[in-house]
Amino acid sequence: MEENDYDRHPIPDPYALLVITRKGELRKVNCPFRVLCTAPLKEVKYNSVCYVTKVIADDEYNSMYYRIGKYYFRHTFFRIYIAF
């Protein structure tokens, strides 16, 4: 998806994400943060590490999208690649 397709659906803080660690702690992750691609995509190689620069949601807030480069991808294609 191109950049302009989803800029109109912001979330409260499009430059941060709340995650739960393996220890059950709630942490805030600020953009840019690293993710690992877990699906073969046209614009991103499988198993490559990328940087998310913005996080957005769809109209109903059912799906979340990561901005990587100039494209937006569903968050389900990636795994957050950070250590706490």
Protein backbone atom coordinates (compact mmCIF):
# COMPACT_ATOMS: atom_id res chain seq x y z
CA MET A 1 0.00 0.00 0.00
CA GLU A 2 1.26 3.44 -0.82
CA GLU A 3 1.87 6.12 1.79
CA ASN A 4 -1.21 8.25 1.03
CA ASP A 5 -3.61 5.30 1.30
CA TYR A 6 -3.57 5.19 5.09
CA ASP A 7 -2.40 8.58 6.39
CA ARG A 8 -6.02 9.56 7.07
CA HIS A 9 -6.53 6.91 9.80
CA PRO A 10 -4.28 7.87 12.70
CA ILE A 11 -4.05 6.19 16.09
CA PRO A 12 -3.47 8.13 19.34
CA ASP A 13 0.34 8.03 18.99
CA PRO A 14 1.43 6.91 15.53
CA TYR A 15 5.09 7.00 16.56
CA ALA A 16 4.92 4.58 19.49
CA LEU A 17 3.48 1.18 20.35
CA LEU A 18 2.66 -0.52 23.64
CA VAL A 19 3.91 -4.11 23.90
CA ILE A 20 3.83 -6.80 26.56
CA THR A 21 7.20 -8.40 27.27
CA ARG A 22 7.74 -12.10 27.90
CA LYS A 23 7.81 -11.26 31.61
CA GLY A 24 4.34 -9.72 31.34
CA GLU A 25 5.51 -6.11 31.63
CA LEU A 26 3.92 -3.33 29.60
CA ARG A 27 6.51 -1.31 27.66
CA LYS A 28 6.36 1.58 25.23
CA VAL A 29 8.36 1.15 22.03
CA ASN A 30 9.08 4.33 20.09
CA CYS A 31 9.56 4.55 16.33
CA PRO A 32 11.76 3.69 14.65
CA PHE A 33 11.81 0.15 16.01
CA ARG A 34 13.06 -3.06 14.42
CA VAL A 35 10.82 -5.84 13.15
CA LEU A 36 11.57 -9.18 11.54
CA CYS A 37 9.65 -10.02 8.35
CA THR A 38 7.91 -13.38 8.82
CA ALA A 39 6.20 -13.62 5.42
CA PRO A 40 7.47 -13.37 1.84
CA LEU A 41 6.39 -9.96 0.55
CA LYS A 42 7.05 -8.24 -2.76
CA GLU A 43 8.71 -5.19 -1.21
CA VAL A 44 10.40 -6.88 1.80
CA LYS A 45 12.52 -10.02 1.83
CA TYR A 46 11.47 -12.88 4.10
CA ASN A 47 13.44 -13.06 7.35
CA SER A 48 14.93 -9.57 6.92
CA VAL A 49 15.08 -6.91 9.63
CA CYS A 50 13.29 -3.61 8.88
CA TYR A 51 12.53 -0.39 10.72
CA VAL A 52 8.98 0.77 11.44
CA THR A 53 8.66 4.55 11.23
CA LYS A 54 4.91 4.90 11.84
CA VAL A 55 1.99 2.81 13.12
CA ILE A 56 -1.59 3.30 11.90
CA ALA A 57 -4.96 1.55 12.06
CA ASP A 58 -7.83 0.96 9.64
CA ASP A 59 -11.24 2.69 9.86
CA GLU A 60 -12.64 0.33 12.51
CA TYR A 61 -9.32 -0.07 14.37
CA ASN A 62 -9.41 -3.81 13.64
CA SER A 63 -6.07 -3.97 11.85
CA MET A 64 -2.79 -2.26 12.48
CA TYR A 65 -0.28 -1.31 9.80
CA TYR A 66 3.43 -0.57 9.97
CA ARG A 67 5.07 1.99 7.72
CA ILE A 68 8.33 0.58 6.41
CA GLY A 69 10.01 2.76 3.82
CA LYS A 70 7.23 4.29 1.75
CA TYR A 71 4.81 1.34 2.12
CA TYR A 72 2.35 0.18 4.77
CA PHE A 73 2.14 -3.50 5.73
CA ARG A 74 -0.17 -5.41 8.09
CA HIS A 75 1.51 -5.94 11.43
CA THR A 76 0.83 -9.69 11.20
CA PHE A 77 3.64 -10.06 8.64
CA PHE A 78 6.25 -8.97 11.18
CA ARG A 79 7.59 -9.77 14.64
CA ILE A 80 8.95 -7.02 16.86
CA TYR A 81 12.68 -7.55 17.03
CA ILE A 82 13.85 -5.93 20.28
CA ALA A 83 15.15 -7.08 23.64
CA PHE A 84 14.18 -5.60 27.00
